Amino acid sequence: MLAKRKMQSKELAEKIGITTANLSILKTGKAKGIRFDTLEAICEALNCQPGDILEYTKE
């Protein structure tokens, strides 16, 4: 979604108020969870739905 919106990670991190390191953890799938308010902020900034950026994978 970042590429589709022509936005860099740093810009998104600044818009939603998290560090680029935390955004990187989310992007790589290494986060154990995500707060709903963070998910909402990401979706608002990228003008998308949660299903556009989340993927379920069985471990």
Protein backbone atom coordinates (compact mmCIF):
# COMPACT_ATOMS: atom_id res chain seq x y z
CA MET A 1 0.00 0.00 0.00
CA LEU A 2 2.91 2.34 0.63
CA ALA A 3 4.08 1.94 -2.96
CA LYS A 4 0.56 2.41 -4.31
CA ARG A 5 0.26 5.65 -2.33
CA LYS A 6 3.80 6.71 -3.29
CA MET A 7 4.69 7.15 0.36
CA GLN A 8 7.88 6.25 2.19
CA SER A 9 7.91 4.44 5.52
CA LYS A 10 9.40 7.47 7.25
CA GLU A 11 6.52 9.67 6.06
CA LEU A 12 3.91 7.14 7.22
CA ALA A 13 5.61 6.75 10.61
CA GLU A 14 5.54 10.52 11.10
CA LYS A 15 1.88 10.77 10.06
CA ILE A 16 0.73 8.07 12.50
CA GLY A 17 3.08 8.96 15.35
CA ILE A 18 5.25 5.85 15.67
CA THR A 19 8.95 5.30 15.16
CA THR A 20 10.30 4.01 11.87
CA ALA A 21 11.73 1.06 13.81
CA ASN A 22 8.26 0.09 15.09
CA LEU A 23 6.78 0.51 11.62
CA SER A 24 9.53 -1.75 10.26
CA ILE A 25 8.58 -4.43 12.80
CA LEU A 26 4.98 -4.21 11.64
CA LYS A 27 5.95 -4.33 7.97
CA THR A 28 8.15 -7.42 8.36
CA GLY A 29 5.50 -9.32 10.28
CA LYS A 30 7.64 -9.66 13.39
CA ALA A 31 5.15 -7.85 15.64
CA LYS A 32 3.18 -10.05 18.00
CA GLY A 33 0.20 -7.71 17.75
CA ILE A 34 -1.02 -4.30 16.72
CA ARG A 35 -3.15 -1.83 18.62
CA PHE A 36 -6.44 -1.00 16.98
CA ASP A 37 -5.73 2.72 17.16
CA THR A 38 -2.43 2.17 15.32
CA LEU A 39 -4.18 0.06 12.68
CA GLU A 40 -6.84 2.75 12.32
CA ALA A 41 -4.18 5.46 11.90
CA ILE A 42 -2.36 3.43 9.24
CA CYS A 43 -5.58 2.79 7.32
CA GLU A 44 -6.55 6.44 7.54
CA ALA A 45 -3.13 7.62 6.34
CA LEU A 46 -3.10 5.12 3.45
CA ASN A 47 -6.81 5.43 2.69
CA CYS A 48 -7.31 1.67 2.83
CA GLN A 49 -9.05 -1.09 4.78
CA PRO A 50 -7.35 -3.40 7.32
CA GLY A 51 -7.68 -6.32 4.90
CA ASP A 52 -5.58 -4.40 2.39
CA ILE A 53 -2.56 -4.48 4.70
CA LEU A 54 -3.04 -7.53 6.95
CA GLU A 55 -2.46 -11.13 5.95
CA TYR A 56 -3.08 -14.27 7.98
CA THR A 57 -0.45 -16.99 7.78
CA LYS A 58 -0.60 -20.21 9.74
CA GLU A 59 2.55 -20.77 11.77
